[in-house]
Amino acid sequence: MVVGGGRVSLDAAAVVRCRRRVHLDHDPAAVSAPRAAPDPALEQRRADAVAHREDVGRRLAGLVGPGAVADPGADAGSPGWVQVPAGPVARRQAATRAAVEAGAAYIWNAALPADVEGGRRGEVELLVRAPGRAGRAGYRPLIVVRHRVTDPGSGAITSPLARPHAEHARPDGHRRVRSHPRDQLRLAHITRMLAAMAAAPAGPAYGAVIGMDADVVVWHELSAPSWPGGHSTLTEYDVRFADRVAVASAAASGAPALAGPSRITECRRCPWWPTCEAELTTRGDVSLVLRGEDATTVRAHGVTTVAQLAALDPARPLPVPLHGMPFADAVALARALHRGLPVVRRVAEVPVPRADVEVDVDMESFGESGAYLWGALLSVPGPRADIGEPAGYRAFATWEPLPTDDEARSFAEFWGWLSGVRARCARAGLSFAAYCYNEQAENRWMLASADRFAGTPGVPPRGEVAEFIGSGQWVDMFALVSQWFLCAHGKGLKRIAPVAGFAWADPEASGENSMRWYRDAVGMDGAPPDPAQRDRLLRYNADDTSATKVLREWMCSPALAGIPLARDL
């Protein structure tokens, strides 16, 4: 945003955004540049986050009460809970300032007055008054987010929801902090804005987060040396924010750009990606092969295009190592992309663990809320593999909206069936293997289900799940693809399975779209549950399990000989 006098005004999101995106957001010449269509899944996540914040706000208001005061020393006439009404930002800013000047204990839905000199604008779910008398006390920011902010463990600094104050925070023996730098940098942004309006407390700077579970308040000391290099969140924020202000100011004024396009992970969901992709493709930018720091590294050595990278000798690496992949792989991948090859082999024959009885597993989850569907495709490639269980796909699902205790039942049924197949194979002297694509998600929800539903009939103890995950019977096809192939357009299942000849029946099949289908399937938005969307999810999940099976069989087939070897490029 550009304000009067040509100054830029940035919110906290700019600090963690791609520098090129910040440029395009402020470049008047980019107004007509191509942009991606709105992502329905992203819009839905934003709507869910708004609903979560509203729910937490209602809970907090009920816990602290409208007559709450920040501490025993506060003025008797100071307001307790103040909720800034929704409306135009200018009106909310005025209401927030008035509540601060009145010494309110808690200010919900706050919009801080713009820090024109510092180039900041920002909003925060809650301002919590620190101890001290009106006129001398300051405020600490508390944000509400729709992701988990702790994991099982110890060491997090937490306070009860009913006492959202740093003075009531203690080391937590049951939770450890889950790293979310974005949250801490947003707290630093609001802290700087509070300081600009002379409303920050003296002493160490603290900020708080309430996460998806909304069971405790997690506190962060923003002035503590908690970042790599021994500097604080505030220091990290100041450096990043000054850089983004410079980038935005140059763009707004028409000065030479301080940030050019380069492909990074953020590009997948950036509205400006069509504009950047066109520019990168036109010049064959090296970031189409190497992302992030690796692209910066090779550019510093004069390698700016895919063609230049492809022309290098893989036996003579650059003096600075790459972090994302070995140098020889980078050269081979550049050669593959330059020749239009989506996949190349590292080796002549790809070793894939096979078994008499095979099960392909795919799990469907809804964000952080839980896993609602476990799909399993049983196949018996071995000629003597008769275990009295019919081959084919089966699903173990709950259609109660997550989170729900019924998730325990569906997981228990899945685990019981899988364990039964393993046991019958063992008794029959048959080998067994189960396959998934990128085990991180399945492992996470198997372990989490064992923890969350411990003691529920049929739910295994955590150790039993961990034993299976660590056994040779659990095979991650993504790891095999990563080990034995170079993929010019990515290694996701939707990218690699078509090379093996597989196609999803649903033309809109994707993980993002499945989120929308799930909402309709369970009637999450108030409409009646849609059985057709349940069927759609089951077909989608069945196709995912079939895709890993087809991929595995292709990797073991003569058709693999048609995929060029990297060393032959």
Protein backbone atom coordinates (compact mmCIF):
# COMPACT_ATOMS: atom_id res chain seq x y z
CA MET A 1 0.00 0.00 0.00
CA VAL A 2 1.18 3.53 -0.85
CA VAL A 3 0.08 6.35 1.45
CA GLY A 4 0.38 10.12 1.23
CA GLY A 5 3.67 11.60 0.17
CA GLY A 6 4.62 8.46 -1.72
CA ARG A 7 5.45 6.53 1.47
CA VAL A 8 4.77 2.83 1.53
CA SER A 9 2.85 1.16 4.34
CA LEU A 10 3.43 -2.55 4.91
CA ASP A 11 1.64 -5.09 7.07
CA ALA A 12 3.33 -7.96 8.89
CA ALA A 13 2.85 -10.39 5.99
CA ALA A 14 5.37 -8.46 3.88
CA VAL A 15 8.18 -9.54 6.21
CA VAL A 16 7.83 -13.21 5.28
CA ARG A 17 6.81 -12.69 1.67
CA CYS A 18 8.97 -13.11 -1.40
CA ARG A 19 10.79 -9.86 -2.17
CA ARG A 20 9.62 -9.95 -5.79
CA ARG A 21 6.01 -10.24 -4.64
CA VAL A 22 6.49 -7.16 -2.46
CA HIS A 23 7.85 -5.35 -5.52
CA LEU A 24 4.92 -6.34 -7.75
CA ASP A 25 2.42 -5.45 -5.03
CA HIS A 26 3.74 -1.87 -5.13
CA ASP A 27 4.72 -1.43 -8.77
CA PRO A 28 2.15 0.77 -10.60
CA ALA A 29 3.30 -0.75 -13.91
CA ALA A 30 2.24 -4.24 -12.72
CA VAL A 31 -1.44 -3.38 -12.38
CA SER A 32 -2.30 -5.04 -15.70
CA ALA A 33 0.19 -7.92 -15.40
CA PRO A 34 -1.20 -11.51 -15.41
CA ARG A 35 -2.24 -12.98 -12.09
CA ALA A 36 -3.46 -16.39 -10.99
CA ALA A 37 -7.16 -16.93 -10.44
CA PRO A 38 -8.21 -16.97 -6.78
CA ASP A 39 -7.47 -20.31 -5.18
CA PRO A 40 -10.74 -21.66 -3.71
CA ALA A 41 -8.85 -23.80 -1.22
CA LEU A 42 -6.82 -20.81 -0.02
CA GLU A 43 -9.95 -18.71 0.26
CA GLN A 44 -11.57 -21.47 2.30
CA ARG A 45 -8.58 -21.68 4.64
CA ARG A 46 -8.82 -17.94 5.19
CA ALA A 47 -12.52 -18.22 5.95
CA ASP A 48 -11.81 -21.06 8.39
CA ALA A 49 -9.16 -18.92 10.08
CA VAL A 50 -11.65 -16.07 10.49
CA ALA A 51 -14.21 -18.45 12.03
CA HIS A 52 -11.56 -19.85 14.37
CA ARG A 53 -10.56 -16.36 15.53
CA GLU A 54 -14.17 -15.43 16.17
CA ASP A 55 -14.71 -18.59 18.20
CA VAL A 56 -11.60 -17.99 20.30
CA GLY A 57 -12.65 -14.37 20.81
CA ARG A 58 -16.01 -15.46 22.20
CA ARG A 59 -14.31 -17.95 24.52
CA LEU A 60 -11.83 -15.40 25.81
CA ALA A 61 -14.54 -12.81 26.40
CA GLY A 62 -16.44 -15.36 28.46
CA LEU A 63 -13.36 -16.39 30.44
CA VAL A 64 -11.98 -12.99 31.40
CA GLY A 65 -15.38 -11.29 31.55
CA PRO A 66 -16.36 -7.74 30.62
CA GLY A 67 -15.37 -6.50 34.06
CA ALA A 68 -11.86 -7.93 34.02
CA VAL A 69 -8.87 -5.80 34.93
CA ALA A 70 -5.27 -6.40 33.92
CA ASP A 71 -3.81 -6.54 37.42
CA PRO A 72 -4.63 -5.50 40.97
CA GLY A 73 -2.81 -2.19 40.53
CA ALA A 74 -4.88 -1.01 37.59
CA ASP A 75 -7.19 1.98 37.91
CA ALA A 76 -10.61 0.99 39.21
CA GLY A 77 -12.31 2.91 36.43
CA SER A 78 -10.37 1.27 33.58
CA PRO A 79 -12.48 -0.79 31.18
CA GLY A 80 -12.11 -4.56 31.19
CA TRP A 81 -12.84 -6.30 27.89
CA VAL A 82 -13.28 -3.94 24.95
CA GLN A 83 -14.28 -5.34 21.57
CA VAL A 84 -13.50 -3.01 18.70
CA PRO A 85 -16.51 -3.11 16.35
CA ALA A 86 -16.07 -4.33 12.79
CA GLY A 87 -16.07 -1.59 10.19
CA PRO A 88 -13.78 0.71 8.23
CA VAL A 89 -10.14 0.57 9.29
CA ALA A 90 -10.01 4.26 10.21
CA ARG A 91 -12.95 3.83 12.59
CA ARG A 92 -11.36 0.73 14.16
CA GLN A 93 -8.05 2.55 14.57
CA ALA A 94 -9.78 5.40 16.40
CA ALA A 95 -11.63 2.95 18.66
CA THR A 96 -8.40 1.07 19.39
CA ARG A 97 -6.58 4.27 20.33
CA ALA A 98 -9.43 5.30 22.60
CA ALA A 99 -9.38 1.92 24.36
CA VAL A 100 -5.61 2.16 24.85
CA GLU A 101 -5.88 5.67 26.27
CA ALA A 102 -8.64 4.47 28.62
CA GLY A 103 -6.36 1.69 29.88
CA ALA A 104 -8.61 -1.19 28.88
CA ALA A 105 -7.48 -4.56 30.19
CA TYR A 106 -8.10 -6.39 26.90
CA ILE A 107 -8.74 -4.96 23.45
CA TRP A 108 -10.14 -7.46 20.93
CA ASN A 109 -10.12 -6.94 17.15
CA ALA A 110 -7.61 -4.11 17.46
CA ALA A 111 -6.47 -2.05 14.48
CA LEU A 112 -3.44 -0.04 15.46
CA PRO A 113 -3.03 3.53 14.24
CA ALA A 114 -0.76 3.60 11.22
CA ASP A 115 2.94 4.09 11.94
CA VAL A 116 3.49 6.52 9.08
CA GLU A 117 7.10 7.26 9.94
CA GLY A 118 7.98 3.59 10.23
CA GLY A 119 5.91 2.53 7.22
CA ARG A 120 3.79 0.06 9.19
CA ARG A 121 0.13 -0.85 9.33
CA GLY A 122 -1.33 -3.76 11.23
CA GLU A 123 -4.13 -5.45 13.10
CA VAL A 124 -4.05 -7.91 15.98
CA GLU A 125 -6.62 -10.18 17.56
CA LEU A 126 -5.94 -9.06 21.13
CA LEU A 127 -3.96 -6.44 23.02
CA VAL A 128 -3.29 -7.49 26.61
CA ARG A 129 -2.49 -4.79 29.13
CA ALA A 130 0.70 -5.35 31.08
CA PRO A 131 0.78 -4.55 34.82
CA GLY A 132 0.89 -0.86 35.70
CA ARG A 133 -1.40 2.08 36.21
CA ALA A 134 -3.26 3.73 33.34
CA GLY A 135 -1.01 6.12 31.50
CA ARG A 136 2.09 4.12 32.40
CA ALA A 137 1.16 0.57 31.42
CA GLY A 138 1.74 -0.84 27.98
CA TYR A 139 0.23 -3.58 25.84
CA ARG A 140 1.44 -6.91 24.56
CA PRO A 141 0.13 -8.51 21.35
CA LEU A 142 -1.70 -11.84 21.29
CA ILE A 143 -2.50 -13.42 17.95
CA VAL A 144 -4.90 -16.27 17.17
CA VAL A 145 -3.88 -18.69 14.41
CA ARG A 146 -5.42 -21.78 12.86
CA HIS A 147 -2.44 -24.09 13.11
CA ARG A 148 -0.93 -26.01 15.96
CA VAL A 149 1.66 -24.04 17.90
CA THR A 150 2.90 -26.79 20.23
CA ASP A 151 3.81 -30.46 20.08
CA PRO A 152 4.00 -33.05 22.86
CA GLY A 153 7.13 -32.48 24.89
CA SER A 154 8.24 -29.84 27.34
CA GLY A 155 9.73 -26.39 27.51
CA ALA A 156 7.04 -24.15 26.03
CA ILE A 157 6.14 -21.12 28.15
CA THR A 158 2.36 -21.11 28.59
CA SER A 159 -0.40 -19.53 30.60
CA PRO A 160 -4.06 -20.55 30.97
CA LEU A 161 -6.60 -19.08 28.56
CA ALA A 162 -8.32 -17.40 31.49
CA ARG A 163 -5.04 -15.67 32.41
CA PRO A 164 -3.50 -14.51 29.13
CA HIS A 165 -0.61 -12.65 30.74
CA ALA A 166 3.13 -13.16 30.59
CA GLU A 167 3.20 -12.76 34.38
CA HIS A 168 1.15 -15.96 34.70
CA ALA A 169 3.25 -17.93 32.19
CA ARG A 170 5.27 -20.92 33.35
CA PRO A 171 7.39 -23.63 31.69
CA ASP A 172 5.05 -26.32 30.40
CA GLY A 173 5.95 -29.93 31.14
CA HIS A 174 3.60 -31.28 28.45
CA ARG A 175 4.23 -29.04 25.46
CA ARG A 176 7.14 -27.85 23.38
CA VAL A 177 6.98 -24.98 20.91
CA ARG A 178 6.35 -25.86 17.29
CA SER A 179 8.44 -23.53 15.14
CA HIS A 180 6.42 -20.89 13.29
CA PRO A 181 8.75 -17.95 12.53
CA ARG A 182 5.89 -16.18 10.73
CA ASP A 183 3.96 -15.92 14.01
CA GLN A 184 6.86 -14.48 15.94
CA LEU A 185 7.65 -11.95 13.23
CA ARG A 186 4.04 -10.80 13.22
CA LEU A 187 4.24 -10.31 16.98
CA ALA A 188 7.40 -8.26 16.46
CA HIS A 189 5.60 -6.11 13.86
CA ILE A 190 2.79 -5.28 16.29
CA THR A 191 5.30 -4.69 19.09
CA ARG A 192 7.08 -2.07 16.98
CA MET A 193 3.74 -0.43 16.19
CA LEU A 194 2.87 -0.31 19.89
CA ALA A 195 6.22 1.32 20.60
CA ALA A 196 5.52 3.94 17.90
CA MET A 197 2.30 4.93 19.68
CA ALA A 198 4.04 4.88 23.09
CA ALA A 199 1.94 1.90 24.19
CA ALA A 200 4.61 -0.79 24.66
CA PRO A 201 5.54 -1.87 28.19
CA ALA A 202 9.03 -1.38 29.56
CA GLY A 203 11.39 -4.33 29.90
CA PRO A 204 11.69 -7.46 27.79
CA ALA A 205 9.26 -7.71 24.88
CA TYR A 206 6.73 -10.55 24.96
CA GLY A 207 4.06 -11.68 22.55
CA ALA A 208 1.60 -14.56 22.67
CA VAL A 209 -0.11 -17.03 20.36
CA ILE A 210 -3.27 -19.11 20.71
CA GLY A 211 -3.22 -21.94 18.19
CA MET A 212 -5.69 -24.30 16.64
CA ASP A 213 -6.16 -26.36 19.80
CA ALA A 214 -6.92 -23.18 21.76
CA ASP A 215 -6.08 -24.86 25.04
CA VAL A 216 -3.32 -22.58 26.33
CA VAL A 217 -1.60 -19.29 25.55
CA VAL A 218 1.98 -19.75 24.28
CA TRP A 219 4.38 -16.92 25.09
CA HIS A 220 7.50 -15.85 23.18
CA GLU A 221 10.16 -13.48 24.48
CA LEU A 222 10.76 -11.42 21.37
CA SER A 223 13.87 -9.74 22.76
CA ALA A 224 15.61 -13.02 23.65
CA PRO A 225 18.49 -14.37 21.47
CA SER A 226 16.42 -17.21 20.00
CA TRP A 227 17.34 -17.03 16.27
CA PRO A 228 20.34 -18.48 14.42
CA GLY A 229 23.34 -16.30 15.03
CA GLY A 230 22.19 -15.42 18.51
CA HIS A 231 19.94 -12.51 17.63
CA SER A 232 16.40 -11.85 18.75
CA THR A 233 13.07 -11.96 16.93
CA LEU A 234 12.96 -8.16 17.06
CA THR A 235 16.39 -7.89 15.45
CA GLU A 236 15.47 -10.39 12.74
CA TYR A 237 12.25 -8.52 12.11
CA ASP A 238 13.97 -5.12 11.90
CA VAL A 239 16.43 -6.35 9.25
CA ARG A 240 13.71 -8.00 7.16
CA PHE A 241 11.29 -5.12 7.46
CA ALA A 242 13.87 -2.52 6.43
CA ASP A 243 14.64 -4.62 3.36
CA ARG A 244 10.96 -4.97 2.37
CA VAL A 245 10.39 -1.24 2.82
CA ALA A 246 13.32 -0.54 0.48
CA VAL A 247 11.96 -2.99 -2.11
CA ALA A 248 8.44 -1.56 -1.95
CA SER A 249 9.66 2.05 -2.03
CA ALA A 250 11.78 1.43 -5.11
CA ALA A 251 8.82 -0.19 -6.87
CA ALA A 252 6.39 2.58 -5.93
CA SER A 253 8.75 5.35 -7.06
CA GLY A 254 9.78 3.75 -10.35
CA ALA A 255 13.39 3.33 -9.24
CA PRO A 256 15.39 0.32 -10.43
CA ALA A 257 13.90 -2.87 -8.99
CA LEU A 258 15.66 -4.29 -5.95
CA ALA A 259 14.09 -7.74 -6.40
CA GLY A 260 13.86 -9.85 -9.54
CA PRO A 261 11.85 -13.05 -10.07
CA SER A 262 13.28 -16.37 -8.94
CA ARG A 263 11.35 -19.59 -8.35
CA ILE A 264 10.91 -20.57 -4.70
CA THR A 265 8.42 -22.74 -2.80
CA GLU A 266 6.10 -19.76 -2.25
CA CYS A 267 5.56 -19.48 -6.01
CA ARG A 268 3.07 -22.36 -5.98
CA ARG A 269 0.42 -20.24 -4.30
CA CYS A 270 1.47 -16.72 -5.27
CA PRO A 271 -1.03 -14.67 -7.32
CA TRP A 272 1.89 -13.21 -9.29
CA TRP A 273 3.27 -16.58 -10.42
CA PRO A 274 1.91 -16.32 -14.02
CA THR A 275 3.83 -13.06 -14.43
CA CYS A 276 7.04 -14.41 -12.93
CA GLU A 277 6.77 -17.78 -14.68
CA ALA A 278 6.49 -16.13 -18.09
CA GLU A 279 9.61 -14.06 -17.44
CA LEU A 280 11.59 -16.98 -16.02
CA THR A 281 10.61 -19.29 -18.88
CA THR A 282 11.42 -16.71 -21.54
CA ARG A 283 14.97 -16.35 -20.32
CA GLY A 284 15.33 -20.00 -19.21
CA ASP A 285 16.19 -18.91 -15.69
CA VAL A 286 18.31 -21.29 -13.64
CA SER A 287 15.76 -21.20 -10.80
CA LEU A 288 13.54 -23.43 -12.93
CA VAL A 289 15.98 -26.16 -11.87
CA LEU A 290 17.48 -24.84 -8.64
CA ARG A 291 15.35 -23.01 -6.10
CA GLY A 292 16.11 -20.51 -3.38
CA GLU A 293 19.67 -20.26 -2.10
CA ASP A 294 21.02 -22.72 -4.67
CA ALA A 295 19.85 -20.49 -7.52
CA THR A 296 21.51 -17.53 -5.84
CA THR A 297 24.71 -19.54 -5.41
CA VAL A 298 25.06 -20.52 -9.07
CA ARG A 299 24.11 -17.04 -10.28
CA ALA A 300 26.97 -15.66 -8.21
CA HIS A 301 29.27 -17.86 -10.33
CA GLY A 302 27.88 -16.60 -13.62
CA VAL A 303 25.38 -19.41 -14.24
CA THR A 304 22.05 -17.70 -14.84
CA THR A 305 20.19 -19.99 -17.28
CA VAL A 306 19.19 -23.64 -17.54
CA ALA A 307 21.24 -23.91 -20.74
CA GLN A 308 24.38 -22.64 -19.01
CA LEU A 309 23.90 -25.10 -16.16
CA ALA A 310 23.31 -27.94 -18.62
CA ALA A 311 26.58 -27.11 -20.40
CA LEU A 312 28.72 -27.50 -17.28
CA ASP A 313 30.87 -30.55 -16.59
CA PRO A 314 29.20 -32.51 -13.76
CA ALA A 315 32.62 -33.84 -12.72
CA ARG A 316 33.86 -30.31 -12.02
CA PRO A 317 31.53 -28.81 -9.42
CA LEU A 318 31.38 -25.17 -8.44
CA PRO A 319 33.62 -24.15 -5.54
CA VAL A 320 30.56 -23.56 -3.35
CA PRO A 321 28.39 -26.65 -2.61
CA LEU A 322 24.68 -26.72 -3.31
CA HIS A 323 22.23 -27.53 -0.52
CA GLY A 324 19.22 -28.84 -2.42
CA MET A 325 20.92 -31.54 -4.48
CA PRO A 326 24.36 -32.75 -5.62
CA PHE A 327 25.94 -30.67 -8.37
CA ALA A 328 25.97 -33.58 -10.84
CA ASP A 329 22.23 -34.04 -10.32
CA ALA A 330 21.64 -30.34 -10.93
CA VAL A 331 23.47 -30.54 -14.26
CA ALA A 332 21.58 -33.69 -15.27
CA LEU A 333 18.26 -32.13 -14.28
CA ALA A 334 19.07 -29.02 -16.32
CA ARG A 335 19.87 -31.21 -19.32
CA ALA A 336 16.60 -33.09 -18.90
CA LEU A 337 14.59 -29.88 -18.68
CA HIS A 338 16.47 -28.37 -21.61
CA ARG A 339 15.54 -31.42 -23.72
CA GLY A 340 11.94 -31.59 -22.56
CA LEU A 341 12.34 -34.82 -20.56
CA PRO A 342 10.05 -34.96 -17.49
CA VAL A 343 11.95 -37.86 -15.84
CA VAL A 344 15.38 -39.48 -16.16
CA ARG A 345 16.87 -42.49 -14.35
CA ARG A 346 19.90 -42.45 -12.12
CA VAL A 347 20.49 -46.19 -12.57
CA ALA A 348 19.75 -48.83 -15.21
CA GLU A 349 17.57 -50.96 -12.93
CA VAL A 350 15.52 -49.48 -10.11
CA PRO A 351 15.39 -51.62 -6.95
CA VAL A 352 11.85 -51.69 -5.60
CA PRO A 353 10.90 -53.89 -2.62
CA ARG A 354 8.14 -56.30 -3.69
CA ALA A 355 6.17 -58.92 -1.74
CA ASP A 356 3.76 -61.82 -2.11
CA VAL A 357 1.01 -59.63 -0.68
CA GLU A 358 1.00 -55.86 -1.20
CA VAL A 359 -1.16 -53.07 0.19
CA ASP A 360 -1.18 -49.50 -1.09
CA VAL A 361 -2.25 -47.02 1.59
CA ASP A 362 -3.44 -43.44 1.20
CA MET A 363 -4.81 -41.20 3.95
CA GLU A 364 -7.04 -38.13 3.59
CA SER A 365 -6.95 -35.45 6.27
CA PHE A 366 -8.65 -32.10 6.68
CA GLY A 367 -5.97 -29.59 7.58
CA GLU A 368 -4.98 -29.90 11.22
CA SER A 369 -8.39 -31.25 12.25
CA GLY A 370 -7.70 -34.95 11.73
CA ALA A 371 -7.63 -37.87 9.29
CA TYR A 372 -11.08 -38.87 8.08
CA LEU A 373 -10.25 -41.57 5.53
CA TRP A 374 -7.77 -44.42 5.31
CA GLY A 375 -7.82 -46.17 1.94
CA ALA A 376 -6.14 -49.51 1.26
CA LEU A 377 -5.69 -51.38 -2.01
CA LEU A 378 -4.84 -55.07 -1.51
CA SER A 379 -3.12 -56.90 -4.36
CA VAL A 380 -1.58 -60.35 -4.56
CA PRO A 381 1.11 -60.40 -7.26
CA GLY A 382 2.58 -63.59 -5.88
CA PRO A 383 1.11 -66.76 -7.47
CA ARG A 384 0.78 -68.54 -4.11
CA ALA A 385 -0.54 -65.58 -2.13
CA ASP A 386 -3.88 -66.81 -0.83
CA ILE A 387 -4.69 -65.34 2.59
CA GLY A 388 -8.46 -65.62 2.43
CA GLU A 389 -8.83 -61.87 1.84
CA PRO A 390 -10.20 -60.58 -1.49
CA ALA A 391 -8.00 -58.25 -3.49
CA GLY A 392 -9.20 -54.73 -4.17
CA TYR A 393 -9.81 -51.37 -2.54
CA ARG A 394 -11.49 -50.76 0.78
CA ALA A 395 -12.03 -47.55 2.73
CA PHE A 396 -12.15 -46.86 6.47
CA ALA A 397 -13.83 -43.50 6.96
CA THR A 398 -15.72 -41.25 9.30
CA TRP A 399 -18.21 -38.81 7.82
CA GLU A 400 -18.80 -36.94 11.05
CA PRO A 401 -17.28 -33.44 10.69
CA LEU A 402 -13.77 -33.29 12.11
CA PRO A 403 -12.69 -33.08 14.81
CA THR A 404 -14.69 -36.03 16.09
CA ASP A 405 -14.12 -39.01 18.35
CA ASP A 406 -15.48 -41.17 15.54
CA GLU A 407 -12.07 -40.70 13.92
CA ALA A 408 -10.79 -43.19 16.50
CA ARG A 409 -13.22 -45.83 15.24
CA SER A 410 -12.24 -45.45 11.58
CA PHE A 411 -8.52 -45.52 12.40
CA ALA A 412 -8.97 -48.56 14.66
CA GLU A 413 -10.82 -50.41 11.89
CA PHE A 414 -8.06 -49.57 9.40
CA TRP A 415 -5.32 -50.66 11.79
CA GLY A 416 -7.14 -53.83 12.71
CA TRP A 417 -7.60 -54.79 9.06
CA LEU A 418 -3.95 -54.00 8.18
CA SER A 419 -2.64 -55.90 11.19
CA GLY A 420 -4.85 -58.85 10.32
CA VAL A 421 -3.44 -59.03 6.79
CA ARG A 422 0.10 -58.86 8.14
CA ALA A 423 -0.62 -61.64 10.65
CA ARG A 424 -2.18 -63.94 8.04
CA CYS A 425 0.83 -63.42 5.77
CA ALA A 426 3.17 -64.31 8.62
CA ARG A 427 1.25 -67.48 9.42
CA ALA A 428 1.22 -68.51 5.75
CA GLY A 429 4.94 -67.81 5.30
CA LEU A 430 4.21 -65.06 2.78
CA SER A 431 6.09 -61.82 2.47
CA PHE A 432 4.14 -58.59 3.01
CA ALA A 433 4.71 -54.94 2.11
CA ALA A 434 2.59 -51.81 2.45
CA TYR A 435 3.26 -48.75 0.28
CA CYS A 436 2.43 -45.05 0.46
CA TYR A 437 3.58 -41.93 -1.35
CA ASN A 438 5.46 -39.61 0.99
CA GLU A 439 5.13 -41.29 4.35
CA GLN A 440 5.37 -38.06 6.32
CA ALA A 441 1.60 -37.49 6.28
CA GLU A 442 0.58 -41.10 6.97
CA ASN A 443 3.20 -41.49 9.70
CA ARG A 444 2.12 -38.27 11.35
CA TRP A 445 -1.55 -39.22 11.54
CA MET A 446 -0.93 -42.85 12.53
CA LEU A 447 1.22 -41.73 15.46
CA ALA A 448 -1.09 -38.84 16.32
CA SER A 449 -4.11 -41.14 16.29
CA ALA A 450 -2.37 -43.59 18.60
CA ASP A 451 -1.58 -40.71 20.98
CA ARG A 452 -4.92 -38.89 20.82
CA PHE A 453 -7.11 -41.97 21.09
CA ALA A 454 -4.97 -44.05 23.42
CA GLY A 455 -7.10 -46.54 25.29
CA THR A 456 -9.90 -46.58 22.72
CA PRO A 457 -10.77 -50.15 21.70
CA GLY A 458 -8.81 -51.16 18.62
CA VAL A 459 -6.43 -48.20 18.68
CA PRO A 460 -2.85 -49.53 18.91
CA PRO A 461 -0.28 -48.25 21.38
CA ARG A 462 2.22 -45.78 19.92
CA GLY A 463 5.03 -48.32 20.10
CA GLU A 464 3.17 -50.73 17.85
CA VAL A 465 2.70 -48.03 15.23
CA ALA A 466 6.34 -46.96 15.50
CA GLU A 467 7.45 -50.59 15.07
CA PHE A 468 5.50 -50.88 11.82
CA ILE A 469 6.78 -47.55 10.50
CA GLY A 470 10.35 -48.58 11.19
CA SER A 471 10.00 -52.02 9.66
CA GLY A 472 10.94 -53.00 6.15
CA GLN A 473 7.27 -53.71 5.48
CA TRP A 474 6.43 -49.99 5.21
CA VAL A 475 7.74 -48.60 1.91
CA ASP A 476 7.70 -44.95 0.90
CA MET A 477 7.42 -44.72 -2.89
CA PHE A 478 8.28 -41.01 -2.79
CA ALA A 479 11.64 -41.86 -1.21
CA LEU A 480 12.31 -44.40 -3.97
CA VAL A 481 11.42 -41.90 -6.69
CA SER A 482 13.68 -39.32 -5.04
CA GLN A 483 16.53 -41.82 -4.80
CA TRP A 484 16.42 -43.29 -8.29
CA PHE A 485 14.97 -40.59 -10.55
CA LEU A 486 15.51 -36.97 -11.45
CA CYS A 487 12.19 -35.23 -12.11
CA ALA A 488 12.24 -32.02 -14.11
CA HIS A 489 8.72 -30.93 -13.13
CA GLY A 490 8.55 -32.14 -9.54
CA LYS A 491 8.21 -35.45 -7.70
CA GLY A 492 4.61 -35.22 -6.51
CA LEU A 493 2.41 -38.21 -7.23
CA LYS A 494 0.26 -36.17 -9.61
CA ARG A 495 3.44 -35.37 -11.57
CA ILE A 496 5.20 -38.72 -11.65
CA ALA A 497 2.33 -41.24 -11.93
CA PRO A 498 1.25 -39.98 -15.41
CA VAL A 499 4.76 -40.77 -16.66
CA ALA A 500 4.03 -44.36 -15.61
CA GLY A 501 0.78 -44.26 -17.59
CA PHE A 502 -1.69 -43.57 -14.78
CA ALA A 503 -4.52 -41.03 -15.02
CA TRP A 504 -6.99 -39.97 -12.33
CA ALA A 505 -10.62 -40.47 -13.31
CA ASP A 506 -11.62 -37.10 -11.85
CA PRO A 507 -10.24 -34.23 -13.98
CA GLU A 508 -10.19 -31.99 -10.89
CA ALA A 509 -8.30 -34.45 -8.69
CA SER A 510 -5.99 -32.65 -6.28
CA GLY A 511 -5.36 -32.43 -2.58
CA GLU A 512 -6.58 -28.83 -2.50
CA ASN A 513 -9.85 -29.67 -4.24
CA SER A 514 -10.43 -32.60 -1.91
CA MET A 515 -10.67 -30.08 0.93
CA ARG A 516 -13.68 -28.47 -0.74
CA TRP A 517 -15.25 -31.82 -1.50
CA TYR A 518 -14.87 -32.83 2.13
CA ARG A 519 -16.65 -29.72 3.39
CA ASP A 520 -19.62 -30.57 1.18
CA ALA A 521 -19.43 -34.28 2.01
CA VAL A 522 -19.96 -33.69 5.73
CA GLY A 523 -22.09 -30.54 5.52
CA MET A 524 -19.48 -28.45 7.27
CA ASP A 525 -20.88 -25.11 6.05
CA GLY A 526 -24.43 -25.67 7.23
CA ALA A 527 -25.77 -27.40 4.14
CA PRO A 528 -26.97 -31.03 4.31
CA PRO A 529 -24.17 -33.60 3.85
CA ASP A 530 -23.68 -34.43 0.18
CA PRO A 531 -23.39 -38.20 -0.48
CA ALA A 532 -22.17 -37.53 -4.02
CA GLN A 533 -19.11 -35.75 -2.66
CA ARG A 534 -18.43 -38.65 -0.32
CA ASP A 535 -18.43 -40.97 -3.32
CA ARG A 536 -16.15 -38.55 -5.13
CA LEU A 537 -13.66 -38.58 -2.27
CA LEU A 538 -13.69 -42.36 -2.16
CA ARG A 539 -12.99 -42.57 -5.91
CA TYR A 540 -10.24 -39.99 -5.56
CA ASN A 541 -8.64 -41.89 -2.68
CA ALA A 542 -8.95 -45.19 -4.54
CA ASP A 543 -7.18 -43.62 -7.52
CA ASP A 544 -4.37 -42.42 -5.26
CA THR A 545 -3.79 -45.97 -4.04
CA SER A 546 -3.94 -47.26 -7.63
CA ALA A 547 -1.44 -44.63 -8.71
CA THR A 548 1.23 -45.90 -6.30
CA LYS A 549 0.57 -49.47 -7.43
CA VAL A 550 0.88 -48.59 -11.12
CA LEU A 551 4.01 -46.55 -10.40
CA ARG A 552 5.64 -49.45 -8.53
CA GLU A 553 4.82 -51.95 -11.28
CA TRP A 554 6.12 -49.56 -13.94
CA MET A 555 9.38 -49.11 -12.05
CA CYS A 556 9.85 -52.90 -12.21
CA SER A 557 8.77 -53.34 -15.83
CA PRO A 558 10.60 -53.36 -19.19
CA ALA A 559 8.91 -50.02 -19.95
CA LEU A 560 11.46 -48.37 -17.66
CA ALA A 561 14.07 -48.87 -20.37
CA GLY A 562 12.36 -46.10 -22.31
CA ILE A 563 13.37 -43.56 -19.66
CA PRO A 564 16.82 -42.08 -20.47
CA LEU A 565 19.70 -42.50 -18.05
CA ALA A 566 21.05 -39.31 -16.53
CA ARG A 567 24.61 -40.25 -17.44
CA ASP A 568 23.63 -40.53 -21.11
CA LEU A 569 22.28 -37.00 -21.41
